[in-house]
């Protein structure tokens, strides 16, 4: 039981740190402006709406909190990888 809580806590902590990195990358890109920044802003909003819908579907289907967190982490990690290639 304790191990499950520990794993979820670690996933939440890593999600928070990874998300901060993506926020930094996005803010940097948005501050430069231009067409790439406009596309990123639109993509960011679309991704957030889609991710929230996926999370709601996971919860509605009975998924665990850990599964929802891991799903968000995969998305954040994909964004971090994509944004770092642009730099």
C-alpha atoms as a PDB file:
ATOM      1  CA  UNK A   1       0.000   0.000   0.000  1.00  0.00           C
ATOM      2  CA  UNK A   2       2.742   2.446   0.929  1.00  0.00           C
ATOM      3  CA  UNK A   3       4.658   1.670  -2.257  1.00  0.00           C
ATOM      4  CA  UNK A   4       1.646   2.677  -4.392  1.00  0.00           C
ATOM      5  CA  UNK A   5       1.396   6.051  -2.680  1.00  0.00           C
ATOM      6  CA  UNK A   6       5.142   6.553  -2.960  1.00  0.00           C
ATOM      7  CA  UNK A   7       5.087   5.828  -6.694  1.00  0.00           C
ATOM      8  CA  UNK A   8       2.173   8.161  -7.291  1.00  0.00           C
ATOM      9  CA  UNK A   9       3.843  10.904  -5.239  1.00  0.00           C
ATOM     10  CA  UNK A  10       7.027  10.553  -7.259  1.00  0.00           C
ATOM     11  CA  UNK A  11       5.060  10.663 -10.519  1.00  0.00           C
ATOM     12  CA  UNK A  12       3.269  13.815  -9.360  1.00  0.00           C
ATOM     13  CA  UNK A  13       6.549  15.458  -8.368  1.00  0.00           C
ATOM     14  CA  UNK A  14       8.186  14.578 -11.672  1.00  0.00           C
ATOM     15  CA  UNK A  15       5.120  15.809 -13.562  1.00  0.00           C
ATOM     16  CA  UNK A  16       5.366  19.147 -11.761  1.00  0.00           C
ATOM     17  CA  UNK A  17       9.062  19.545 -12.584  1.00  0.00           C
ATOM     18  CA  UNK A  18       8.681  18.459 -16.200  1.00  0.00           C
ATOM     19  CA  UNK A  19       5.703  20.773 -16.688  1.00  0.00           C
ATOM     20  CA  UNK A  20       7.741  23.723 -15.402  1.00  0.00           C
ATOM     21  CA  UNK A  21      10.366  22.992 -18.041  1.00  0.00           C
ATOM     22  CA  UNK A  22       7.743  22.922 -20.794  1.00  0.00           C
ATOM     23  CA  UNK A  23       6.250  26.170 -19.491  1.00  0.00           C
ATOM     24  CA  UNK A  24       9.702  27.805 -19.662  1.00  0.00           C
ATOM     25  CA  UNK A  25      10.250  26.579 -23.214  1.00  0.00           C
ATOM     26  CA  UNK A  26       6.824  27.761 -24.321  1.00  0.00           C
ATOM     27  CA  UNK A  27       7.113  31.168 -22.662  1.00  0.00           C
ATOM     28  CA  UNK A  28      10.473  31.664 -24.331  1.00  0.00           C
ATOM     29  CA  UNK A  29       9.004  30.802 -27.722  1.00  0.00           C
ATOM     30  CA  UNK A  30       5.910  32.954 -27.181  1.00  0.00           C
ATOM     31  CA  UNK A  31       7.996  35.941 -26.087  1.00  0.00           C
ATOM     32  CA  UNK A  32       9.853  35.871 -29.418  1.00  0.00           C
ATOM     33  CA  UNK A  33       6.571  36.153 -31.313  1.00  0.00           C
ATOM     34  CA  UNK A  34       6.089  35.364 -34.961  1.00  0.00           C
ATOM     35  CA  UNK A  35       4.229  32.621 -36.797  1.00  0.00           C
ATOM     36  CA  UNK A  36       5.881  29.832 -34.790  1.00  0.00           C
ATOM     37  CA  UNK A  37       4.677  31.412 -31.553  1.00  0.00           C
ATOM     38  CA  UNK A  38       1.141  31.745 -32.912  1.00  0.00           C
ATOM     39  CA  UNK A  39       1.108  28.090 -33.956  1.00  0.00           C
ATOM     40  CA  UNK A  40       2.464  27.020 -30.578  1.00  0.00           C
ATOM     41  CA  UNK A  41      -0.183  29.019 -28.716  1.00  0.00           C
ATOM     42  CA  UNK A  42      -2.951  27.410 -30.762  1.00  0.00           C
ATOM     43  CA  UNK A  43      -1.424  23.966 -30.360  1.00  0.00           C
ATOM     44  CA  UNK A  44      -1.049  24.466 -26.607  1.00  0.00           C
ATOM     45  CA  UNK A  45      -4.732  25.313 -26.142  1.00  0.00           C
ATOM     46  CA  UNK A  46      -5.876  22.440 -28.357  1.00  0.00           C
ATOM     47  CA  UNK A  47      -3.621  19.973 -26.515  1.00  0.00           C
ATOM     48  CA  UNK A  48      -4.858  21.107 -23.109  1.00  0.00           C
ATOM     49  CA  UNK A  49      -8.510  20.706 -24.062  1.00  0.00           C
ATOM     50  CA  UNK A  50      -7.826  17.271 -25.558  1.00  0.00           C
ATOM     51  CA  UNK A  51      -5.761  16.158 -22.530  1.00  0.00           C
ATOM     52  CA  UNK A  52      -8.512  17.268 -20.129  1.00  0.00           C
ATOM     53  CA  UNK A  53     -11.065  15.296 -22.143  1.00  0.00           C
ATOM     54  CA  UNK A  54      -8.841  12.217 -22.086  1.00  0.00           C
ATOM     55  CA  UNK A  55      -8.398  12.547 -18.326  1.00  0.00           C
ATOM     56  CA  UNK A  56     -12.153  12.787 -17.854  1.00  0.00           C
ATOM     57  CA  UNK A  57     -12.653   9.661 -19.959  1.00  0.00           C
ATOM     58  CA  UNK A  58     -10.007   7.786 -17.977  1.00  0.00           C
ATOM     59  CA  UNK A  59     -11.628   8.750 -14.683  1.00  0.00           C
ATOM     60  CA  UNK A  60     -15.104   7.909 -16.004  1.00  0.00           C
ATOM     61  CA  UNK A  61     -13.881   4.486 -17.088  1.00  0.00           C
ATOM     62  CA  UNK A  62     -12.533   3.788 -13.608  1.00  0.00           C
ATOM     63  CA  UNK A  63      -8.829   4.400 -14.172  1.00  0.00           C
ATOM     64  CA  UNK A  64      -6.639   5.024 -11.160  1.00  0.00           C
ATOM     65  CA  UNK A  65      -5.175   8.396 -10.246  1.00  0.00           C
ATOM     66  CA  UNK A  66      -1.756   7.019 -11.069  1.00  0.00           C
ATOM     67  CA  UNK A  67      -2.813   6.115 -14.600  1.00  0.00           C
ATOM     68  CA  UNK A  68      -4.165   9.632 -15.195  1.00  0.00           C
ATOM     69  CA  UNK A  69      -0.923  11.157 -13.894  1.00  0.00           C
ATOM     70  CA  UNK A  70       1.220   8.843 -16.040  1.00  0.00           C
ATOM     71  CA  UNK A  71      -0.874   9.777 -19.089  1.00  0.00           C
ATOM     72  CA  UNK A  72      -0.273  13.484 -18.433  1.00  0.00           C
ATOM     73  CA  UNK A  73       3.444  12.839 -17.905  1.00  0.00           C
ATOM     74  CA  UNK A  74       3.722  11.165 -21.308  1.00  0.00           C
ATOM     75  CA  UNK A  75       2.153  14.219 -22.927  1.00  0.00           C
ATOM     76  CA  UNK A  76       4.403  16.643 -21.050  1.00  0.00           C
ATOM     77  CA  UNK A  77       7.494  14.618 -21.924  1.00  0.00           C
ATOM     78  CA  UNK A  78       6.482  14.556 -25.591  1.00  0.00           C
ATOM     79  CA  UNK A  79       6.079  18.343 -25.537  1.00  0.00           C
ATOM     80  CA  UNK A  80       9.455  18.783 -23.856  1.00  0.00           C
ATOM     81  CA  UNK A  81      11.106  16.636 -26.530  1.00  0.00           C
ATOM     82  CA  UNK A  82       9.345  18.445 -29.356  1.00  0.00           C
ATOM     83  CA  UNK A  83      10.120  21.907 -28.003  1.00  0.00           C
ATOM     84  CA  UNK A  84      13.767  21.102 -27.285  1.00  0.00           C
ATOM     85  CA  UNK A  85      14.285  20.068 -30.918  1.00  0.00           C
ATOM     86  CA  UNK A  86      13.144  23.529 -32.025  1.00  0.00           C
ATOM     87  CA  UNK A  87      15.781  25.267 -29.920  1.00  0.00           C
END
